[in-house]
Amino acid sequence: MHVRPAARVLRFLAPALAAASLAACTADITDPLPTAPARAPYAPSYYTYPSAIYRSHVEFGTPTDANSADDVILSKRQYTVSHNCAKGRPNWVSWNLNKTHFGDAPRASSFTSDASLPSGCYRVVTGDYTNSGYDRGHQVRSEERTWDATDNKSTFVMTNVVPQTHDMNAGPWLDFEYYLQSLAQSSNKEIYVISGPSGNKGTLNGAGKVQIPTYTWKIAVIMPYGQGLANVTSTSSIQVIAVDMPNVTGIISRPWTDYKTTVDKLEGFTGYNFLAKLPDSIESYWEARVF
C-alpha cells in the first residue's frame, strides 16, 4: 500500500475531496465539463489510494471489424489491446480510467517488447523507433498508471505504443490526456477510453516492421465515479467525446478541441464497431454527436 505521510495527505486531499463533493452533487451528467488546469508533464499525483480499482476495460463492448484475423487480443490487468502483427502496432487499446489509478510510482525508464504476443508475430522493440523522427506514443498514458511501478511499466510495453510526431504527442494529444486526468481526479469521473491509429504513411526507417499512422484517434465515455454500462438508462447517463488528430508537425500549440469528431466518423474509416453494448437508441445518439 502506498500512502503519503499524514500531513501531506491532509494537505493535498482536502481540495480533492471538495471537488469530488461538488461533482457528486451534479444532477445531470450532460452538464458542461470543466476546463482542465495546466500541469507539468509527469507531475506527481497528490494522493495514492489504498488500491487501484480497475473496472472492465471493454465495458461497452470489444471493438470488432469484418476481419478478426488481424486482431490479436491481449487482456492485461491495466488495459486491453488488439495488436496487428502485420502492422507492428495496435489496432486499438481500451482501458478504464479513474482517480485510483494515479499515484506516485516513478516513470519507467525503458520500453520493452511484449512477450505475450504469439510466436510468429513480430515483437516490436524500442530500437525500431530509433532515429525514425517519431515519438514512441503511448496509448494508455504513463501517468494514468502510477498506482505502483508494475502498473506504470505496463504502459511501456510496445503493444501500447504507436509512432506519433512529437508535435502531436506533446501538443493536442497530451492536452486531451490532461483533460481526462482532470475529470478523473478533480471531477470524480469514471472514464472508459478507446484509442488507436489509422492510415498508413509508410514504416519506421523504411524497415517494414512498424507502420506509421496518418491519424491517431480517441473515444472517451464519461460517467460519475463507480458507474458503468448497468447505469446507462438514457442519453443523459453518459457523455462521449471523440477526437481524431493528424500525425503531422506544426500542431504542438493547437488545442485538443480543434480535433473533435464523431464516433460514427471514426467507425467509418477504421472499420471498427465501437460502444456496441450501449442500448441502440443511446448509441445512435452519442455516436452521431460532437460533444
C-alpha atoms as a PDB file:
ATOM      1  CA  MET A   1       0.000   0.000   0.000  1.00  0.00           C
ATOM      2  CA  HIS A   2       1.304   3.439  -0.904  1.00  0.00           C
ATOM      3  CA  VAL A   3       0.173   6.306   1.345  1.00  0.00           C
ATOM      4  CA  ARG A   4       1.928   9.601   1.869  1.00  0.00           C
ATOM      5  CA  PRO A   5       2.696  10.868   5.392  1.00  0.00           C
ATOM      6  CA  ALA A   6      -0.444  12.101   7.141  1.00  0.00           C
ATOM      7  CA  ALA A   7       0.371  15.800   6.986  1.00  0.00           C
ATOM      8  CA  ARG A   8       0.973  15.695   3.247  1.00  0.00           C
ATOM      9  CA  VAL A   9      -2.136  13.608   2.637  1.00  0.00           C
ATOM     10  CA  LEU A  10      -4.287  16.100   4.533  1.00  0.00           C
ATOM     11  CA  ARG A  11      -2.685  18.985   2.733  1.00  0.00           C
ATOM     12  CA  PHE A  12      -3.471  17.647  -0.707  1.00  0.00           C
ATOM     13  CA  LEU A  13      -6.554  15.525  -0.078  1.00  0.00           C
ATOM     14  CA  ALA A  14      -8.806  18.314   1.193  1.00  0.00           C
ATOM     15  CA  PRO A  15      -9.092  20.136  -2.170  1.00  0.00           C
ATOM     16  CA  ALA A  16      -9.653  16.831  -3.955  1.00  0.00           C
ATOM     17  CA  LEU A  17     -12.445  15.857  -1.568  1.00  0.00           C
ATOM     18  CA  ALA A  18     -14.097  19.227  -2.015  1.00  0.00           C
ATOM     19  CA  ALA A  19     -14.010  18.841  -5.791  1.00  0.00           C
ATOM     20  CA  ALA A  20     -15.385  15.327  -5.534  1.00  0.00           C
ATOM     21  CA  SER A  21     -18.205  16.520  -3.295  1.00  0.00           C
ATOM     22  CA  LEU A  22     -19.195  19.174  -5.803  1.00  0.00           C
ATOM     23  CA  ALA A  23     -19.075  16.650  -8.631  1.00  0.00           C
ATOM     24  CA  ALA A  24     -21.280  14.253  -6.669  1.00  0.00           C
ATOM     25  CA  CYS A  25     -23.934  16.958  -6.376  1.00  0.00           C
ATOM     26  CA  THR A  26     -24.194  17.360 -10.147  1.00  0.00           C
ATOM     27  CA  ALA A  27     -27.704  16.366 -11.156  1.00  0.00           C
ATOM     28  CA  ASP A  28     -27.156  15.799 -14.864  1.00  0.00           C
ATOM     29  CA  ILE A  29     -24.162  14.166 -16.467  1.00  0.00           C
ATOM     30  CA  THR A  30     -24.687  16.299 -19.581  1.00  0.00           C
ATOM     31  CA  ASP A  31     -23.789  19.494 -17.720  1.00  0.00           C
ATOM     32  CA  PRO A  32     -20.725  21.214 -19.240  1.00  0.00           C
ATOM     33  CA  LEU A  33     -17.437  19.611 -18.272  1.00  0.00           C
ATOM     34  CA  PRO A  34     -14.766  21.702 -16.537  1.00  0.00           C
ATOM     35  CA  THR A  35     -11.643  23.087 -18.135  1.00  0.00           C
ATOM     36  CA  ALA A  36      -8.532  21.126 -17.214  1.00  0.00           C
ATOM     37  CA  PRO A  37      -5.806  23.041 -15.360  1.00  0.00           C
ATOM     38  CA  ALA A  38      -2.358  23.191 -16.915  1.00  0.00           C
ATOM     39  CA  ARG A  39       0.090  20.699 -15.399  1.00  0.00           C
ATOM     40  CA  ALA A  40       3.718  19.988 -15.978  1.00  0.00           C
ATOM     41  CA  PRO A  41       4.385  16.689 -17.774  1.00  0.00           C
ATOM     42  CA  TYR A  42       4.835  13.770 -15.396  1.00  0.00           C
ATOM     43  CA  ALA A  43       3.863  15.852 -12.349  1.00  0.00           C
ATOM     44  CA  PRO A  44       3.193  13.512  -9.393  1.00  0.00           C
ATOM     45  CA  SER A  45      -0.331  12.892  -8.175  1.00  0.00           C
ATOM     46  CA  TYR A  46      -1.480  14.348  -4.860  1.00  0.00           C
ATOM     47  CA  TYR A  47      -2.563  11.098  -3.236  1.00  0.00           C
ATOM     48  CA  THR A  48      -2.158   7.373  -3.731  1.00  0.00           C
ATOM     49  CA  TYR A  49      -5.271   5.312  -2.961  1.00  0.00           C
ATOM     50  CA  PRO A  50      -5.052   2.039  -0.997  1.00  0.00           C
ATOM     51  CA  SER A  51      -5.618   0.101  -4.240  1.00  0.00           C
ATOM     52  CA  ALA A  52      -6.084   0.749  -7.931  1.00  0.00           C
ATOM     53  CA  ILE A  53      -9.652  -0.189  -8.828  1.00  0.00           C
ATOM     54  CA  TYR A  54      -9.882  -1.484 -12.388  1.00  0.00           C
ATOM     55  CA  ARG A  55     -13.309  -1.965 -13.877  1.00  0.00           C
ATOM     56  CA  SER A  56     -13.868  -3.622 -17.245  1.00  0.00           C
ATOM     57  CA  HIS A  57     -11.549  -2.248 -19.921  1.00  0.00           C
ATOM     58  CA  VAL A  58     -14.129  -3.192 -22.564  1.00  0.00           C
ATOM     59  CA  GLU A  59     -17.199  -2.100 -20.585  1.00  0.00           C
ATOM     60  CA  PHE A  60     -19.117  -1.010 -23.662  1.00  0.00           C
ATOM     61  CA  GLY A  61     -18.054  -3.891 -25.890  1.00  0.00           C
ATOM     62  CA  THR A  62     -14.906  -5.205 -27.522  1.00  0.00           C
ATOM     63  CA  PRO A  63     -14.389  -3.297 -30.789  1.00  0.00           C
ATOM     64  CA  THR A  64     -14.836  -5.585 -33.804  1.00  0.00           C
ATOM     65  CA  ASP A  65     -14.416  -5.280 -37.555  1.00  0.00           C
ATOM     66  CA  ALA A  66     -15.026  -7.502 -40.564  1.00  0.00           C
ATOM     67  CA  ASN A  67     -11.655  -9.254 -40.263  1.00  0.00           C
ATOM     68  CA  SER A  68     -10.865 -10.706 -36.854  1.00  0.00           C
ATOM     69  CA  ALA A  69      -7.764 -12.465 -38.218  1.00  0.00           C
ATOM     70  CA  ASP A  70      -5.619  -9.357 -37.665  1.00  0.00           C
ATOM     71  CA  ASP A  71      -6.836  -8.802 -34.098  1.00  0.00           C
ATOM     72  CA  VAL A  72      -4.552 -10.389 -31.528  1.00  0.00           C
ATOM     73  CA  ILE A  73      -6.416  -9.592 -28.302  1.00  0.00           C
ATOM     74  CA  LEU A  74      -4.216  -9.174 -25.228  1.00  0.00           C
ATOM     75  CA  SER A  75      -6.104  -8.731 -21.949  1.00  0.00           C
ATOM     76  CA  LYS A  76      -3.892  -7.186 -19.301  1.00  0.00           C
ATOM     77  CA  ARG A  77      -4.717  -6.007 -15.800  1.00  0.00           C
ATOM     78  CA  GLN A  78      -4.128  -2.415 -16.825  1.00  0.00           C
ATOM     79  CA  TYR A  79      -5.769  -2.375 -20.290  1.00  0.00           C
ATOM     80  CA  THR A  80      -6.899  -4.486 -23.257  1.00  0.00           C
ATOM     81  CA  VAL A  81      -5.195  -4.241 -26.641  1.00  0.00           C
ATOM     82  CA  SER A  82      -5.890  -5.531 -30.134  1.00  0.00           C
ATOM     83  CA  HIS A  83      -2.486  -5.898 -31.787  1.00  0.00           C
ATOM     84  CA  ASN A  84      -1.930  -6.077 -35.528  1.00  0.00           C
ATOM     85  CA  CYS A  85       1.092  -8.270 -36.245  1.00  0.00           C
ATOM     86  CA  ALA A  86       1.342  -7.220 -39.908  1.00  0.00           C
ATOM     87  CA  LYS A  87       1.427  -3.517 -38.999  1.00  0.00           C
ATOM     88  CA  GLY A  88       3.518  -3.785 -35.822  1.00  0.00           C
ATOM     89  CA  ARG A  89       1.106  -1.552 -33.943  1.00  0.00           C
ATOM     90  CA  PRO A  90      -2.192  -1.819 -32.071  1.00  0.00           C
ATOM     91  CA  ASN A  91      -5.495  -1.685 -33.919  1.00  0.00           C
ATOM     92  CA  TRP A  92      -6.910  -0.218 -30.716  1.00  0.00           C
ATOM     93  CA  VAL A  93      -6.272  -0.054 -26.978  1.00  0.00           C
ATOM     94  CA  SER A  94      -9.164   0.101 -24.495  1.00  0.00           C
ATOM     95  CA  TRP A  95      -8.997   0.993 -20.809  1.00  0.00           C
ATOM     96  CA  ASN A  96     -10.807   2.177 -17.719  1.00  0.00           C
ATOM     97  CA  LEU A  97      -9.658   5.395 -16.053  1.00  0.00           C
ATOM     98  CA  ASN A  98     -10.497   6.748 -12.612  1.00  0.00           C
ATOM     99  CA  LYS A  99      -8.855   8.557  -9.687  1.00  0.00           C
ATOM    100  CA  THR A 100      -7.493   5.376  -8.061  1.00  0.00           C
ATOM    101  CA  HIS A 101      -5.146   4.755 -10.991  1.00  0.00           C
ATOM    102  CA  PHE A 102      -2.965   7.768 -10.172  1.00  0.00           C
ATOM    103  CA  GLY A 103      -0.203   7.740  -7.603  1.00  0.00           C
ATOM    104  CA  ASP A 104       3.475   8.416  -7.060  1.00  0.00           C
ATOM    105  CA  ALA A 105       5.090   5.442  -8.765  1.00  0.00           C
ATOM    106  CA  PRO A 106       8.150   6.519 -10.755  1.00  0.00           C
ATOM    107  CA  ARG A 107       8.025   6.708 -14.516  1.00  0.00           C
ATOM    108  CA  ALA A 108       9.559   3.585 -16.059  1.00  0.00           C
ATOM    109  CA  SER A 109      12.973   4.110 -17.574  1.00  0.00           C
ATOM    110  CA  SER A 110      12.676   1.971 -20.716  1.00  0.00           C
ATOM    111  CA  PHE A 111      10.307   0.408 -23.241  1.00  0.00           C
ATOM    112  CA  THR A 112      10.030  -3.366 -23.595  1.00  0.00           C
ATOM    113  CA  SER A 113       8.724  -5.749 -26.246  1.00  0.00           C
ATOM    114  CA  ASP A 114       5.538  -7.675 -25.485  1.00  0.00           C
ATOM    115  CA  ALA A 115       6.403 -11.241 -24.531  1.00  0.00           C
ATOM    116  CA  SER A 116       2.711 -12.206 -24.518  1.00  0.00           C
ATOM    117  CA  LEU A 117       2.415 -11.993 -28.314  1.00  0.00           C
ATOM    118  CA  PRO A 118       2.071 -15.370 -30.045  1.00  0.00           C
ATOM    119  CA  SER A 119       5.003 -16.975 -31.812  1.00  0.00           C
ATOM    120  CA  GLY A 120       5.228 -15.846 -35.417  1.00  0.00           C
ATOM    121  CA  CYS A 121       4.109 -12.317 -34.555  1.00  0.00           C
ATOM    122  CA  TYR A 122       6.956  -9.802 -34.747  1.00  0.00           C
ATOM    123  CA  ARG A 123       7.645  -8.272 -31.340  1.00  0.00           C
ATOM    124  CA  VAL A 124       8.360  -4.590 -31.820  1.00  0.00           C
ATOM    125  CA  VAL A 125      11.395  -3.330 -29.901  1.00  0.00           C
ATOM    126  CA  THR A 126      12.242   0.203 -28.851  1.00  0.00           C
ATOM    127  CA  GLY A 127      15.134   0.230 -31.332  1.00  0.00           C
ATOM    128  CA  ASP A 128      12.644   0.108 -34.208  1.00  0.00           C
ATOM    129  CA  TYR A 129      11.847   3.755 -33.378  1.00  0.00           C
ATOM    130  CA  THR A 130      15.453   4.940 -33.011  1.00  0.00           C
ATOM    131  CA  ASN A 131      16.355   7.767 -35.432  1.00  0.00           C
ATOM    132  CA  SER A 132      12.934   7.495 -37.096  1.00  0.00           C
ATOM    133  CA  GLY A 133      11.810  11.027 -36.257  1.00  0.00           C
ATOM    134  CA  TYR A 134       8.749   9.715 -34.417  1.00  0.00           C
ATOM    135  CA  ASP A 135       7.930   9.537 -30.705  1.00  0.00           C
ATOM    136  CA  ARG A 136       7.027   6.290 -29.012  1.00  0.00           C
ATOM    137  CA  GLY A 137       3.460   7.441 -28.485  1.00  0.00           C
ATOM    138  CA  HIS A 138       1.658   5.914 -25.506  1.00  0.00           C
ATOM    139  CA  GLN A 139      -1.982   4.993 -25.915  1.00  0.00           C
ATOM    140  CA  VAL A 140      -2.556   4.397 -22.200  1.00  0.00           C
ATOM    141  CA  ARG A 141      -0.592   7.317 -20.772  1.00  0.00           C
ATOM    142  CA  SER A 142       2.209   6.624 -18.304  1.00  0.00           C
ATOM    143  CA  GLU A 143       0.729   8.958 -15.664  1.00  0.00           C
ATOM    144  CA  GLU A 144      -2.609   7.107 -15.830  1.00  0.00           C
ATOM    145  CA  ARG A 145      -0.957   4.007 -14.398  1.00  0.00           C
ATOM    146  CA  THR A 146       1.091   5.267 -11.466  1.00  0.00           C
ATOM    147  CA  TRP A 147      -0.500   3.444  -8.543  1.00  0.00           C
ATOM    148  CA  ASP A 148       2.555   1.211  -8.472  1.00  0.00           C
ATOM    149  CA  ALA A 149       5.660   0.523 -10.550  1.00  0.00           C
ATOM    150  CA  THR A 150       4.209  -2.609 -12.176  1.00  0.00           C
ATOM    151  CA  ASP A 151       1.204  -0.690 -13.467  1.00  0.00           C
ATOM    152  CA  ASN A 152       3.423   2.035 -14.846  1.00  0.00           C
ATOM    153  CA  LYS A 153       5.776  -0.402 -16.567  1.00  0.00           C
ATOM    154  CA  SER A 154       2.792  -1.922 -18.360  1.00  0.00           C
ATOM    155  CA  THR A 155       2.354   1.308 -20.321  1.00  0.00           C
ATOM    156  CA  PHE A 156       5.905   0.993 -21.659  1.00  0.00           C
ATOM    157  CA  VAL A 157       5.190  -2.317 -23.404  1.00  0.00           C
ATOM    158  CA  MET A 158       5.482  -1.753 -27.162  1.00  0.00           C
ATOM    159  CA  THR A 159       1.974  -3.040 -27.912  1.00  0.00           C
ATOM    160  CA  ASN A 160       0.751   0.140 -26.156  1.00  0.00           C
ATOM    161  CA  VAL A 161       2.770   2.357 -28.486  1.00  0.00           C
ATOM    162  CA  VAL A 162       2.276   3.914 -31.927  1.00  0.00           C
ATOM    163  CA  PRO A 163       4.541   6.240 -33.951  1.00  0.00           C
ATOM    164  CA  GLN A 164       3.488   9.843 -33.301  1.00  0.00           C
ATOM    165  CA  THR A 165       5.093  13.116 -34.300  1.00  0.00           C
ATOM    166  CA  HIS A 166       6.418  14.971 -31.300  1.00  0.00           C
ATOM    167  CA  ASP A 167       4.207  17.962 -32.105  1.00  0.00           C
ATOM    168  CA  MET A 168       1.059  15.881 -31.917  1.00  0.00           C
ATOM    169  CA  ASN A 169       2.191  13.707 -28.997  1.00  0.00           C
ATOM    170  CA  ALA A 170       3.349  16.637 -26.834  1.00  0.00           C
ATOM    171  CA  GLY A 171       0.663  19.001 -28.124  1.00  0.00           C
ATOM    172  CA  PRO A 172      -3.069  18.317 -28.520  1.00  0.00           C
ATOM    173  CA  TRP A 173      -2.753  14.607 -27.662  1.00  0.00           C
ATOM    174  CA  LEU A 174      -1.163  15.429 -24.304  1.00  0.00           C
ATOM    175  CA  ASP A 175      -3.624  18.291 -23.832  1.00  0.00           C
ATOM    176  CA  PHE A 176      -6.538  15.857 -24.109  1.00  0.00           C
ATOM    177  CA  GLU A 177      -4.813  13.439 -21.729  1.00  0.00           C
ATOM    178  CA  TYR A 178      -4.529  16.246 -19.160  1.00  0.00           C
ATOM    179  CA  TYR A 179      -8.222  16.978 -19.635  1.00  0.00           C
ATOM    180  CA  LEU A 180      -9.255  13.383 -18.945  1.00  0.00           C
ATOM    181  CA  GLN A 181      -6.935  13.246 -15.936  1.00  0.00           C
ATOM    182  CA  SER A 182      -8.623  16.345 -14.526  1.00  0.00           C
ATOM    183  CA  LEU A 183     -12.050  14.757 -14.971  1.00  0.00           C
ATOM    184  CA  ALA A 184     -10.923  11.599 -13.173  1.00  0.00           C
ATOM    185  CA  GLN A 185      -9.100  13.260 -10.294  1.00  0.00           C
ATOM    186  CA  SER A 186     -10.829  16.596  -9.741  1.00  0.00           C
ATOM    187  CA  SER A 187     -14.351  15.920 -11.021  1.00  0.00           C
ATOM    188  CA  ASN A 188     -14.683  12.353  -9.702  1.00  0.00           C
ATOM    189  CA  LYS A 189     -15.494  10.778 -13.059  1.00  0.00           C
ATOM    190  CA  GLU A 190     -15.310   7.193 -14.288  1.00  0.00           C
ATOM    191  CA  ILE A 191     -13.981   7.147 -17.843  1.00  0.00           C
ATOM    192  CA  TYR A 192     -13.836   4.388 -20.435  1.00  0.00           C
ATOM    193  CA  VAL A 193     -11.335   5.097 -23.197  1.00  0.00           C
ATOM    194  CA  ILE A 194     -10.574   3.551 -26.588  1.00  0.00           C
ATOM    195  CA  SER A 195      -7.781   4.844 -28.812  1.00  0.00           C
ATOM    196  CA  GLY A 196      -5.775   3.768 -31.804  1.00  0.00           C
ATOM    197  CA  PRO A 197      -4.057   4.663 -35.058  1.00  0.00           C
ATOM    198  CA  SER A 198      -5.409   4.845 -38.608  1.00  0.00           C
ATOM    199  CA  GLY A 199      -3.946   5.300 -42.073  1.00  0.00           C
ATOM    200  CA  ASN A 200      -0.538   4.478 -43.499  1.00  0.00           C
ATOM    201  CA  LYS A 201       2.428   6.826 -44.005  1.00  0.00           C
ATOM    202  CA  GLY A 202       4.948   4.066 -44.614  1.00  0.00           C
ATOM    203  CA  THR A 203       7.058   2.320 -41.992  1.00  0.00           C
ATOM    204  CA  LEU A 204       9.609   3.463 -39.425  1.00  0.00           C
ATOM    205  CA  ASN A 205      13.014   3.874 -41.073  1.00  0.00           C
ATOM    206  CA  GLY A 206      11.577   2.110 -44.131  1.00  0.00           C
ATOM    207  CA  ALA A 207      12.179  -1.195 -42.350  1.00  0.00           C
ATOM    208  CA  GLY A 208       8.725  -2.661 -42.990  1.00  0.00           C
ATOM    209  CA  LYS A 209       8.167  -3.518 -39.324  1.00  0.00           C
ATOM    210  CA  VAL A 210       6.114  -0.683 -37.777  1.00  0.00           C
ATOM    211  CA  GLN A 211       3.512   1.170 -39.828  1.00  0.00           C
ATOM    212  CA  ILE A 212       3.256   4.935 -39.293  1.00  0.00           C
ATOM    213  CA  PRO A 213      -0.350   6.146 -38.919  1.00  0.00           C
ATOM    214  CA  THR A 214      -1.822   9.174 -40.655  1.00  0.00           C
ATOM    215  CA  TYR A 215      -4.045   9.905 -37.659  1.00  0.00           C
ATOM    216  CA  THR A 216      -4.443   8.874 -34.033  1.00  0.00           C
ATOM    217  CA  TRP A 217      -7.954   8.863 -32.579  1.00  0.00           C
ATOM    218  CA  LYS A 218      -9.545   8.522 -29.149  1.00  0.00           C
ATOM    219  CA  ILE A 219     -13.028   7.948 -27.703  1.00  0.00           C
ATOM    220  CA  ALA A 220     -13.885   8.725 -24.062  1.00  0.00           C
ATOM    221  CA  VAL A 221     -17.138   7.683 -22.365  1.00  0.00           C
ATOM    222  CA  ILE A 222     -17.581   9.748 -19.195  1.00  0.00           C
ATOM    223  CA  MET A 223     -19.748   8.853 -16.182  1.00  0.00           C
ATOM    224  CA  PRO A 224     -19.844   9.548 -12.434  1.00  0.00           C
ATOM    225  CA  TYR A 225     -17.251   7.600 -10.458  1.00  0.00           C
ATOM    226  CA  GLY A 226     -18.111   3.943  -9.922  1.00  0.00           C
ATOM    227  CA  GLN A 227     -20.643   3.715 -12.735  1.00  0.00           C
ATOM    228  CA  GLY A 228     -20.674   1.590 -15.891  1.00  0.00           C
ATOM    229  CA  LEU A 229     -22.934   0.061 -18.509  1.00  0.00           C
ATOM    230  CA  ALA A 230     -25.563  -1.030 -15.975  1.00  0.00           C
ATOM    231  CA  ASN A 231     -26.128   2.622 -15.050  1.00  0.00           C
ATOM    232  CA  VAL A 232     -26.858   3.756 -18.608  1.00  0.00           C
ATOM    233  CA  THR A 233     -30.596   4.351 -18.796  1.00  0.00           C
ATOM    234  CA  SER A 234     -30.827   7.416 -21.060  1.00  0.00           C
ATOM    235  CA  THR A 235     -28.717   9.708 -23.223  1.00  0.00           C
ATOM    236  CA  SER A 236     -28.044  11.872 -20.154  1.00  0.00           C
ATOM    237  CA  SER A 237     -26.363   8.961 -18.332  1.00  0.00           C
ATOM    238  CA  ILE A 238     -23.105   9.446 -20.236  1.00  0.00           C
ATOM    239  CA  GLN A 239     -21.036  11.887 -22.227  1.00  0.00           C
ATOM    240  CA  VAL A 240     -18.980  10.778 -25.219  1.00  0.00           C
ATOM    241  CA  ILE A 241     -16.047  12.723 -26.630  1.00  0.00           C
ATOM    242  CA  ALA A 242     -14.260  11.618 -29.812  1.00  0.00           C
ATOM    243  CA  VAL A 243     -11.130  13.167 -31.315  1.00  0.00           C
ATOM    244  CA  ASP A 244      -9.076  12.458 -34.434  1.00  0.00           C
ATOM    245  CA  MET A 245      -5.625  14.073 -34.613  1.00  0.00           C
ATOM    246  CA  PRO A 246      -3.350  14.274 -37.664  1.00  0.00           C
ATOM    247  CA  ASN A 247       0.095  12.765 -37.266  1.00  0.00           C
ATOM    248  CA  VAL A 248       1.909  15.849 -38.535  1.00  0.00           C
ATOM    249  CA  THR A 249       4.281  18.568 -37.353  1.00  0.00           C
ATOM    250  CA  GLY A 250       3.302  22.159 -36.676  1.00  0.00           C
ATOM    251  CA  ILE A 251       0.381  21.478 -34.320  1.00  0.00           C
ATOM    252  CA  ILE A 252       2.063  21.478 -30.910  1.00  0.00           C
ATOM    253  CA  SER A 253       0.209  24.626 -29.829  1.00  0.00           C
ATOM    254  CA  ARG A 254      -3.200  23.601 -31.143  1.00  0.00           C
ATOM    255  CA  PRO A 255      -5.872  22.783 -28.510  1.00  0.00           C
ATOM    256  CA  TRP A 256      -7.352  19.296 -28.460  1.00  0.00           C
ATOM    257  CA  THR A 257     -10.797  20.741 -29.054  1.00  0.00           C
ATOM    258  CA  ASP A 258      -9.786  21.570 -32.640  1.00  0.00           C
ATOM    259  CA  TYR A 259      -9.904  17.837 -33.384  1.00  0.00           C
ATOM    260  CA  LYS A 260     -13.318  16.850 -32.056  1.00  0.00           C
ATOM    261  CA  THR A 261     -15.228  14.468 -34.292  1.00  0.00           C
ATOM    262  CA  THR A 262     -17.963  11.823 -34.064  1.00  0.00           C
ATOM    263  CA  VAL A 263     -17.727   8.140 -33.234  1.00  0.00           C
ATOM    264  CA  ASP A 264     -19.624   7.484 -36.486  1.00  0.00           C
ATOM    265  CA  LYS A 265     -16.768   9.036 -38.458  1.00  0.00           C
ATOM    266  CA  LEU A 266     -14.173   7.013 -36.561  1.00  0.00           C
ATOM    267  CA  GLU A 267     -16.122   3.832 -37.270  1.00  0.00           C
ATOM    268  CA  GLY A 268     -16.307   4.782 -40.938  1.00  0.00           C
ATOM    269  CA  PHE A 269     -12.578   4.941 -41.574  1.00  0.00           C
ATOM    270  CA  THR A 270     -11.342   2.365 -39.029  1.00  0.00           C
ATOM    271  CA  GLY A 271     -13.971  -0.255 -39.903  1.00  0.00           C
ATOM    272  CA  TYR A 272     -14.485  -0.994 -36.195  1.00  0.00           C
ATOM    273  CA  ASN A 273     -17.801  -1.021 -34.366  1.00  0.00           C
ATOM    274  CA  PHE A 274     -17.436   0.843 -31.064  1.00  0.00           C
ATOM    275  CA  LEU A 275     -19.695   1.005 -27.974  1.00  0.00           C
ATOM    276  CA  ALA A 276     -21.827  -1.872 -29.253  1.00  0.00           C
ATOM    277  CA  LYS A 277     -23.196  -2.767 -25.806  1.00  0.00           C
ATOM    278  CA  LEU A 278     -24.943   0.556 -25.387  1.00  0.00           C
ATOM    279  CA  PRO A 279     -28.719   0.467 -25.916  1.00  0.00           C
ATOM    280  CA  ASP A 280     -29.265   1.165 -29.623  1.00  0.00           C
ATOM    281  CA  SER A 281     -31.034   4.500 -29.228  1.00  0.00           C
ATOM    282  CA  ILE A 282     -28.367   5.809 -26.850  1.00  0.00           C
ATOM    283  CA  GLU A 283     -25.564   4.512 -29.055  1.00  0.00           C
ATOM    284  CA  SER A 284     -27.048   6.194 -32.140  1.00  0.00           C
ATOM    285  CA  TYR A 285     -27.497   9.485 -30.282  1.00  0.00           C
ATOM    286  CA  TRP A 286     -23.964   9.738 -28.960  1.00  0.00           C
ATOM    287  CA  GLU A 287     -22.125   8.271 -31.954  1.00  0.00           C
ATOM    288  CA  ALA A 288     -23.555  10.981 -34.235  1.00  0.00           C
ATOM    289  CA  ARG A 289     -22.851  13.829 -31.799  1.00  0.00           C
ATOM    290  CA  VAL A 290     -19.830  16.119 -31.445  1.00  0.00           C
ATOM    291  CA  PHE A 291     -19.650  16.958 -27.749  1.00  0.00           C
END
